[in-house]
Amino acid sequence: MGKERKKGGGKAYQKAEEKIMGFEYINCRLSCDGIRIEEIAERIKTPFYLYSKNEIERKFLLYKEAFEKLSPLICYAAKVNSNIAIFRLLASLGAGCDVASGGELFLALSAGIDQDKIVFNGNGKRGDEIERAVLSDILIICDSPDELFLVDQKSTQKQKKTRVLFRVNPDISASTHPYIATGLAESKFGMKPSVIKELWAIGRNLKNVELVGLSSHIGSQITEIEPFCENARKLASLASELKGAEYLDIGGGLGISYSKEKAPSPKDLADSLLPILFDKGFKLILEPGRSIVGSAGCLITKVSYLKESHKTFIVVDCGMNDLIRPALYKSFHEILPVSQNKEEEIIADVVGPLCEDGDFLGRERKICRPKAGDLLSIMNAGAYGFSMSSNYNARLRPAEVMVIDKDFHIIREQETEEDLICHQRIPDILR
């Protein structure tokens, strides 16, 4: 007994017992890991985020297999999608976590991530965040001299010895959006190599700090391999000059395909980095995020209206508060009908209900004419989707759902109106 499948426009046949990975059409119905999204939407109010457990698992294992010869610590980048169910899934596969705030550290520890596999990144760590990191015995990536001295101070107060990496600014240009290019000379992140050398000599005399390596992260959504290689070469060269350097954290940033563009795989990256790093004696840390969960998530929304004005608008029930990437970065997300139909194709803007003209999910899209109540899926939304969502216009943030072993599970409840005011207070003087 078989099921007809469509993926990427082609047709194939698959035995029912084979595992279905990710999102694909089965008998003209978009499915997640083999479950029809229409069935999920009958139980879950739109909009909602939907994740494929199989796809997350597959993408992580691609990293693990590709870099096997280097035995890296793979620290999932928490900022990309901070749902603790995703943390728990990745932890079960051996992943660590790259955190950038006290809140992300709390989430990682709450999800059961091994503290020996957590690195604390960022350029503006508060004193209380550093204190918590010191008490948690995690690796801290220091971004400035002052931060190093604060780590030493907190470690002394707590009678701890904290392992520290220095973040290097390698002055490397990567082809990506300027907001997410983090390795340029003018970037706020990291220190110049000359500063690193001076600070290393000072840091080795601090009694409550152990300097163990270097870190660098050159940006996000990078679809060229050479910038990663240049970064690895610079880090390895600098680390070889520093006594006691044990770890090389080369960050993350590998891009995905949003609009059928070519994106390198973890194997492509590993094959290029292996000649640079193999036999150098450093312990490797990777911080992938988008390339693990980006294609494993979508945002399911319902058509509210089809509006003909000076142009055609498809008005849906999600907006820039749910997925801000199109408005913020002018980024492209493919938008697919959950149920394929044979209606005429139209050119339309897919827009949300918020009071901003920047509230759009897609401009000038060719799509089969939908009607009110139809479901659309905004694809490749697993990264920087929910984690960048907001309550703008007092909109409720959506539920998050994951398909696991032929069933779907709510991994975050949709917010309620009570959630909007639960932390607000009216002073007695205004009553």
Protein backbone atom coordinates (compact mmCIF):
# COMPACT_ATOMS: atom_id res chain seq x y z
CA MET A 1 0.00 0.00 0.00
CA GLY A 2 1.56 3.33 -1.05
CA LYS A 3 1.00 7.05 -0.71
CA GLU A 4 1.54 9.50 -3.52
CA ARG A 5 3.98 12.20 -2.44
CA LYS A 6 4.97 15.47 -4.00
CA LYS A 7 8.13 17.26 -2.93
CA GLY A 8 9.83 20.04 -4.83
CA GLY A 9 7.34 19.69 -7.67
CA GLY A 10 8.15 16.03 -8.44
CA LYS A 11 6.20 12.84 -7.74
CA ALA A 12 7.36 9.71 -5.99
CA TYR A 13 5.82 6.72 -4.30
CA GLN A 14 6.61 5.66 -0.78
CA LYS A 15 5.71 2.69 1.35
CA ALA A 16 3.54 3.65 4.27
CA GLU A 17 5.98 2.27 6.84
CA GLU A 18 8.87 4.48 5.66
CA LYS A 19 9.63 7.55 7.77
CA ILE A 20 8.49 10.81 6.20
CA MET A 21 10.82 13.72 6.88
CA GLY A 22 9.60 17.28 7.18
CA PHE A 23 6.99 18.99 5.05
CA GLU A 24 5.62 17.61 1.81
CA TYR A 25 2.43 17.14 -0.14
CA ILE A 26 0.68 13.79 0.15
CA ASN A 27 -2.34 13.50 -2.13
CA CYS A 28 -2.33 17.31 -2.60
CA ARG A 29 -2.45 17.93 1.17
CA LEU A 30 0.56 19.50 2.90
CA SER A 31 1.77 17.23 5.69
CA CYS A 32 4.31 17.33 8.50
CA ASP A 33 6.11 14.03 9.13
CA GLY A 34 3.18 12.30 7.45
CA ILE A 35 0.36 14.04 9.37
CA ARG A 36 -1.96 16.28 7.38
CA ILE A 37 -1.69 19.87 8.55
CA GLU A 38 -5.44 20.32 8.00
CA GLU A 39 -6.04 17.75 10.74
CA ILE A 40 -3.79 19.66 13.14
CA ALA A 41 -5.53 22.95 12.32
CA GLU A 42 -8.87 21.41 13.26
CA ARG A 43 -7.56 21.14 16.85
CA ILE A 44 -5.15 24.09 17.10
CA LYS A 45 -6.27 27.68 16.57
CA THR A 46 -4.40 29.56 13.86
CA PRO A 47 -1.90 31.00 13.61
CA PHE A 48 0.50 28.44 15.07
CA TYR A 49 4.07 27.35 14.56
CA LEU A 50 4.54 23.74 13.49
CA TYR A 51 7.78 21.79 13.78
CA SER A 52 8.98 18.47 12.41
CA LYS A 53 10.79 16.39 15.00
CA ASN A 54 12.16 14.16 12.24
CA GLU A 55 13.64 17.09 10.33
CA ILE A 56 15.28 18.64 13.41
CA GLU A 57 16.79 15.29 14.28
CA ARG A 58 17.99 14.70 10.72
CA LYS A 59 19.63 18.11 10.41
CA PHE A 60 21.48 17.74 13.72
CA LEU A 61 22.74 14.27 12.81
CA LEU A 62 24.07 15.66 9.51
CA TYR A 63 26.41 17.85 11.57
CA LYS A 64 27.37 15.00 13.85
CA GLU A 65 28.21 12.72 10.93
CA ALA A 66 29.96 15.37 8.83
CA PHE A 67 32.31 16.48 11.63
CA GLU A 68 32.86 13.01 13.12
CA LYS A 69 36.64 13.10 12.54
CA LEU A 70 36.94 16.31 14.57
CA SER A 71 34.67 15.13 17.44
CA PRO A 72 33.26 18.62 18.05
CA LEU A 73 31.03 19.91 20.80
CA ILE A 74 27.94 20.96 18.85
CA CYS A 75 26.22 23.75 20.77
CA TYR A 76 22.80 24.58 19.37
CA ALA A 77 22.30 28.36 19.17
CA ALA A 78 19.47 29.04 21.62
CA LYS A 79 18.54 32.43 20.14
CA VAL A 80 17.30 30.80 16.96
CA ASN A 81 14.41 28.99 18.60
CA SER A 82 14.31 28.77 22.39
CA ASN A 83 11.53 26.26 22.96
CA ILE A 84 12.71 23.85 25.64
CA ALA A 85 11.14 20.86 23.86
CA ILE A 86 13.57 21.51 21.00
CA PHE A 87 16.41 21.87 23.52
CA ARG A 88 15.42 18.53 25.09
CA LEU A 89 15.25 16.78 21.71
CA LEU A 90 18.70 18.03 20.73
CA ALA A 91 20.14 17.20 24.15
CA SER A 92 18.99 13.61 23.68
CA LEU A 93 21.12 13.53 20.51
CA GLY A 94 24.19 14.80 22.34
CA ALA A 95 23.92 18.54 21.66
CA GLY A 96 25.07 21.32 23.91
CA CYS A 97 23.80 24.91 23.82
CA ASP A 98 25.13 28.34 22.91
CA VAL A 99 23.32 30.88 25.11
CA ALA A 100 23.42 34.68 24.96
CA SER A 101 21.54 35.72 28.10
CA GLY A 102 20.70 34.64 31.61
CA GLY A 103 17.25 33.71 30.36
CA GLU A 104 18.62 31.41 27.67
CA LEU A 105 20.93 29.84 30.25
CA PHE A 106 17.92 29.21 32.49
CA LEU A 107 16.04 27.60 29.60
CA ALA A 108 18.98 25.40 28.63
CA LEU A 109 19.48 24.17 32.19
CA SER A 110 15.71 23.68 32.62
CA ALA A 111 15.66 21.52 29.50
CA GLY A 112 18.38 19.28 30.90
CA ILE A 113 21.32 20.45 28.78
CA ASP A 114 24.56 19.25 30.37
CA GLN A 115 26.30 22.27 31.93
CA ASP A 116 29.61 21.00 30.55
CA LYS A 117 28.13 21.53 27.08
CA ILE A 118 26.92 25.12 27.50
CA VAL A 119 28.82 28.19 26.26
CA PHE A 120 27.77 31.73 27.23
CA ASN A 121 28.19 34.23 24.39
CA GLY A 122 27.31 37.88 23.87
CA ASN A 123 28.87 41.31 24.19
CA GLY A 124 26.93 42.82 27.12
CA LYS A 125 26.57 40.26 29.89
CA ARG A 126 25.26 41.76 33.12
CA GLY A 127 26.91 41.10 36.45
CA ASP A 128 24.05 38.91 37.66
CA GLU A 129 24.18 36.89 34.43
CA ILE A 130 27.92 36.34 34.80
CA GLU A 131 27.42 35.33 38.43
CA ARG A 132 24.85 32.76 37.39
CA ALA A 133 27.16 31.44 34.67
CA VAL A 134 30.03 31.15 37.17
CA LEU A 135 27.84 29.21 39.60
CA SER A 136 26.67 26.95 36.74
CA ASP A 137 30.26 25.99 35.82
CA ILE A 138 29.81 26.71 32.12
CA LEU A 139 32.24 28.08 29.55
CA ILE A 140 32.10 31.88 29.29
CA ILE A 141 33.12 33.64 26.09
CA CYS A 142 34.51 37.01 27.13
CA ASP A 143 33.91 39.82 24.67
CA SER A 144 36.04 42.59 26.24
CA PRO A 145 38.77 43.20 28.84
CA ASP A 146 36.25 44.63 31.33
CA GLU A 147 34.13 41.51 31.00
CA LEU A 148 37.12 39.30 31.79
CA PHE A 149 37.82 41.26 34.97
CA LEU A 150 34.15 41.03 35.96
CA VAL A 151 34.23 37.25 35.46
CA ASP A 152 37.32 37.08 37.65
CA GLN A 153 35.64 39.23 40.30
CA LYS A 154 32.49 37.10 40.39
CA SER A 155 34.56 33.90 40.39
CA THR A 156 36.61 35.15 43.32
CA GLN A 157 33.48 36.07 45.27
CA LYS A 158 31.97 32.64 44.68
CA GLN A 159 35.26 30.79 45.21
CA LYS A 160 35.09 29.30 41.73
CA LYS A 161 37.54 28.91 38.88
CA THR A 162 35.83 29.75 35.59
CA ARG A 163 36.90 28.57 32.16
CA VAL A 164 37.02 31.41 29.65
CA LEU A 165 37.37 31.81 25.90
CA PHE A 166 38.08 35.17 24.24
CA ARG A 167 35.92 36.29 21.36
CA VAL A 168 37.98 37.42 18.39
CA ASN A 169 36.83 40.00 15.87
CA PRO A 170 38.46 38.55 12.74
CA ASP A 171 37.46 41.40 10.36
CA ILE A 172 35.90 39.01 7.84
CA SER A 173 33.21 40.03 5.38
CA ALA A 174 30.48 37.46 4.74
CA SER A 175 27.73 37.98 2.18
CA THR A 176 24.65 38.35 4.35
CA HIS A 177 22.29 41.03 5.66
CA PRO A 178 24.32 43.79 7.40
CA TYR A 179 22.28 43.39 10.59
CA ILE A 180 23.50 39.81 11.00
CA ALA A 181 27.11 40.23 9.82
CA THR A 182 29.03 39.97 13.10
CA GLY A 183 32.66 39.48 12.03
CA LEU A 184 33.38 42.85 10.43
CA ALA A 185 35.88 45.28 11.93
CA GLU A 186 33.06 47.71 12.75
CA SER A 187 30.98 45.02 14.46
CA LYS A 188 30.29 45.39 18.19
CA PHE A 189 31.44 41.81 18.83
CA GLY A 190 34.87 40.57 19.84
CA MET A 191 38.37 42.01 20.18
CA LYS A 192 41.26 42.63 17.83
CA PRO A 193 43.95 39.92 17.78
CA SER A 194 46.51 42.37 19.19
CA VAL A 195 44.23 43.04 22.19
CA ILE A 196 43.65 39.30 22.62
CA LYS A 197 47.41 38.66 22.89
CA GLU A 198 47.89 41.35 25.52
CA LEU A 199 44.83 40.26 27.48
CA TRP A 200 45.87 36.60 27.37
CA ALA A 201 49.11 37.43 29.16
CA ILE A 202 47.17 39.35 31.82
CA GLY A 203 44.44 36.72 32.15
CA ARG A 204 46.87 33.87 32.78
CA ASN A 205 47.82 35.58 36.05
CA LEU A 206 44.24 35.78 37.32
CA LYS A 207 43.76 33.16 40.03
CA ASN A 208 40.06 32.48 39.46
CA VAL A 209 40.02 32.37 35.67
CA GLU A 210 41.35 29.66 33.38
CA LEU A 211 41.90 30.78 29.79
CA VAL A 212 41.11 27.83 27.54
CA GLY A 213 40.62 29.10 23.99
CA LEU A 214 39.24 31.41 21.34
CA SER A 215 35.85 31.98 19.77
CA SER A 216 34.54 33.82 16.73
CA HIS A 217 31.20 34.06 14.95
CA ILE A 218 31.14 35.88 11.62
CA GLY A 219 27.41 36.13 10.97
CA SER A 220 24.20 34.34 10.06
CA GLN A 221 22.62 32.98 6.87
CA ILE A 222 26.00 32.63 5.15
CA THR A 223 25.86 30.56 1.97
CA GLU A 224 29.55 30.65 1.02
CA ILE A 225 32.15 28.33 2.54
CA GLU A 226 35.28 30.48 2.20
CA PRO A 227 34.44 32.97 4.99
CA PHE A 228 34.20 30.05 7.42
CA CYS A 229 37.58 28.75 6.23
CA GLU A 230 39.19 32.18 6.56
CA ASN A 231 37.82 32.47 10.07
CA ALA A 232 39.12 29.01 11.04
CA ARG A 233 42.57 29.79 9.65
CA LYS A 234 42.78 33.07 11.58
CA LEU A 235 41.56 31.50 14.82
CA ALA A 236 43.91 28.51 14.58
CA SER A 237 46.88 30.74 13.78
CA LEU A 238 46.20 33.05 16.72
CA ALA A 239 45.49 30.18 19.12
CA SER A 240 48.80 28.52 18.22
CA GLU A 241 50.57 31.60 19.65
CA LEU A 242 48.73 31.45 22.97
CA LYS A 243 49.93 29.15 25.73
CA GLY A 244 47.10 27.02 27.11
CA ALA A 245 44.67 27.53 24.22
CA GLU A 246 42.66 24.32 24.07
CA TYR A 247 39.32 25.17 22.41
CA LEU A 248 38.47 26.71 19.06
CA ASP A 249 34.86 27.87 18.81
CA ILE A 250 34.23 28.74 15.17
CA GLY A 251 30.60 29.77 15.73
CA GLY A 252 27.69 28.98 13.44
CA GLY A 253 25.94 30.87 10.67
CA LEU A 254 25.54 28.29 7.92
CA GLY A 255 22.64 29.41 5.74
CA ILE A 256 19.61 27.56 4.40
CA SER A 257 17.65 27.78 1.16
CA TYR A 258 14.68 30.13 1.49
CA SER A 259 14.01 30.66 -2.20
CA LYS A 260 15.56 27.63 -3.91
CA GLU A 261 19.00 29.25 -3.71
CA LYS A 262 21.99 26.92 -3.29
CA ALA A 263 23.00 26.50 0.33
CA PRO A 264 26.01 24.44 1.50
CA SER A 265 25.48 21.39 3.66
CA PRO A 266 27.22 20.55 6.94
CA LYS A 267 29.28 18.05 4.94
CA ASP A 268 30.39 20.79 2.53
CA LEU A 269 31.49 22.84 5.53
CA ALA A 270 33.23 19.92 7.23
CA ASP A 271 35.08 18.87 4.08
CA SER A 272 36.51 22.38 3.76
CA LEU A 273 37.40 22.82 7.43
CA LEU A 274 38.95 19.39 7.97
CA PRO A 275 42.26 20.19 6.18
CA ILE A 276 42.56 23.41 8.23
CA LEU A 277 41.79 22.01 11.68
CA PHE A 278 42.65 18.31 11.61
CA ASP A 279 45.73 17.38 13.67
CA LYS A 280 46.00 20.91 15.11
CA GLY A 281 45.21 19.55 18.57
CA PHE A 282 42.32 21.91 19.36
CA LYS A 283 38.92 20.87 20.66
CA LEU A 284 36.34 22.19 18.22
CA ILE A 285 33.07 23.91 19.18
CA LEU A 286 30.32 24.60 16.63
CA GLU A 287 27.25 26.79 17.18
CA PRO A 288 24.70 25.90 14.44
CA GLY A 289 21.11 27.06 14.78
CA ARG A 290 19.24 28.11 11.66
CA SER A 291 20.63 25.20 9.65
CA ILE A 292 19.15 22.75 12.19
CA VAL A 293 15.67 24.17 12.81
CA GLY A 294 15.04 26.67 9.99
CA SER A 295 13.53 24.28 7.46
CA ALA A 296 12.00 22.18 10.23
CA GLY A 297 9.35 24.76 11.10
CA CYS A 298 6.52 26.60 9.38
CA LEU A 299 3.88 29.12 10.42
CA ILE A 300 0.32 28.02 9.68
CA THR A 301 -2.12 30.85 9.06
CA LYS A 302 -5.70 31.20 7.85
CA VAL A 303 -6.96 33.49 5.09
CA SER A 304 -9.30 36.15 6.49
CA TYR A 305 -10.08 38.12 3.33
CA LEU A 306 -9.19 38.40 -0.33
CA LYS A 307 -9.12 42.14 -1.04
CA GLU A 308 -9.02 43.80 -4.47
CA SER A 309 -7.72 47.37 -4.34
CA HIS A 310 -5.02 49.02 -6.47
CA LYS A 311 -3.49 45.59 -6.16
CA THR A 312 -4.62 42.24 -4.73
CA PHE A 313 -4.14 41.48 -1.05
CA ILE A 314 -4.50 38.17 0.75
CA VAL A 315 -5.18 39.16 4.37
CA VAL A 316 -4.26 36.42 6.85
CA ASP A 317 -4.57 36.03 10.60
CA CYS A 318 -0.85 36.24 11.38
CA GLY A 319 1.38 39.26 11.05
CA MET A 320 4.76 40.82 11.62
CA ASN A 321 4.33 40.30 15.36
CA ASP A 322 4.38 36.53 14.68
CA LEU A 323 7.09 36.54 11.98
CA ILE A 324 9.07 39.75 11.71
CA ARG A 325 11.78 38.60 9.30
CA PRO A 326 10.05 39.82 6.09
CA ALA A 327 9.45 43.28 7.59
CA LEU A 328 12.81 43.56 9.36
CA TYR A 329 15.16 42.01 6.81
CA LYS A 330 12.96 41.97 3.66
CA SER A 331 13.58 38.24 3.78
CA PHE A 332 11.75 35.73 1.60
CA HIS A 333 9.64 32.88 2.93
CA GLU A 334 7.87 30.58 0.50
CA ILE A 335 4.10 30.59 1.09
CA LEU A 336 2.23 27.41 0.16
CA PRO A 337 -1.43 26.43 0.21
CA VAL A 338 -2.04 23.69 2.76
CA SER A 339 -4.56 22.18 0.35
CA GLN A 340 -3.64 22.40 -3.31
CA ASN A 341 -6.44 23.56 -5.57
CA LYS A 342 -6.95 24.18 -9.27
CA GLU A 343 -8.00 27.81 -8.99
CA GLU A 344 -6.45 30.42 -11.27
CA GLU A 345 -3.10 31.82 -10.23
CA ILE A 346 -3.03 35.41 -9.06
CA ILE A 347 -0.32 37.86 -8.05
CA ALA A 348 -0.94 39.18 -4.56
CA ASP A 349 0.64 40.56 -1.41
CA VAL A 350 0.15 38.32 1.61
CA VAL A 351 -0.39 40.70 4.52
CA GLY A 352 -1.33 40.62 8.18
CA PRO A 353 -3.88 42.53 10.29
CA LEU A 354 -1.54 44.96 12.10
CA CYS A 355 -1.67 48.73 11.69
CA GLU A 356 1.62 48.97 9.76
CA ASP A 357 2.12 48.91 6.02
CA GLY A 358 5.26 46.94 6.79
CA ASP A 359 3.04 44.15 8.09
CA PHE A 360 3.53 41.73 5.23
CA LEU A 361 4.58 38.11 4.87
CA GLY A 362 5.21 38.21 1.13
CA ARG A 363 5.06 40.75 -1.70
CA GLU A 364 3.97 40.08 -5.28
CA ARG A 365 3.52 36.34 -4.82
CA LYS A 366 2.12 34.04 -7.48
CA ILE A 367 -0.41 31.83 -5.74
CA CYS A 368 -3.61 29.94 -6.57
CA ARG A 369 -6.54 32.17 -5.64
CA PRO A 370 -7.51 31.33 -2.05
CA LYS A 371 -10.78 31.98 -0.29
CA ALA A 372 -11.56 33.00 3.27
CA GLY A 373 -10.87 30.10 5.62
CA ASP A 374 -8.17 28.49 3.49
CA LEU A 375 -4.93 27.59 5.25
CA LEU A 376 -1.52 28.80 4.11
CA SER A 377 1.88 27.64 5.31
CA ILE A 378 4.75 30.11 5.59
CA MET A 379 7.76 27.88 5.12
CA ASN A 380 11.26 27.78 6.64
CA ALA A 381 10.05 29.65 9.73
CA GLY A 382 11.62 27.45 12.38
CA ALA A 383 14.50 29.88 12.91
CA TYR A 384 14.02 33.39 14.30
CA GLY A 385 10.25 33.01 14.04
CA PHE A 386 8.68 32.60 17.45
CA SER A 387 11.88 33.73 19.21
CA MET A 388 11.50 37.20 17.63
CA SER A 389 7.71 37.40 18.00
CA SER A 390 6.00 40.11 20.06
CA ASN A 391 2.68 41.35 21.42
CA TYR A 392 2.54 44.40 19.14
CA ASN A 393 -1.05 45.63 18.74
CA ALA A 394 -1.77 43.47 21.81
CA ARG A 395 -1.73 40.44 19.56
CA LEU A 396 -1.44 37.07 21.29
CA ARG A 397 1.66 35.10 20.49
CA PRO A 398 0.81 31.80 18.78
CA ALA A 399 0.99 28.22 19.94
CA GLU A 400 3.92 26.01 19.02
CA VAL A 401 3.28 22.42 17.96
CA MET A 402 5.64 19.55 17.17
CA VAL A 403 4.90 16.34 15.31
CA ILE A 404 6.51 13.44 17.18
CA ASP A 405 6.11 9.78 16.27
CA LYS A 406 2.94 10.07 14.17
CA ASP A 407 1.15 12.42 16.57
CA PHE A 408 1.27 16.14 17.30
CA HIS A 409 1.97 17.77 20.63
CA ILE A 410 1.54 21.34 21.88
CA ILE A 411 4.97 22.48 23.08
CA ARG A 412 3.80 26.02 23.89
CA GLU A 413 0.24 27.08 24.57
CA GLN A 414 -1.17 30.04 22.68
CA GLU A 415 -1.21 33.13 24.87
CA THR A 416 -4.46 34.39 26.36
CA GLU A 417 -5.71 37.92 26.90
CA GLU A 418 -4.95 37.48 30.60
CA ASP A 419 -1.29 36.95 29.66
CA LEU A 420 -1.25 40.48 28.24
CA ILE A 421 -1.88 42.04 31.65
CA CYS A 422 -0.51 39.48 34.08
CA HIS A 423 2.65 41.52 34.73
CA GLN A 424 1.06 44.97 34.52
CA ARG A 425 -0.07 46.96 37.52
CA ILE A 426 -2.32 50.00 38.00
CA PRO A 427 -0.94 52.10 40.87
CA ASP A 428 -3.42 52.91 43.64
CA ILE A 429 -3.12 56.60 42.81
CA LEU A 430 -4.76 55.90 39.41
CA ARG A 431 -7.60 53.83 40.80
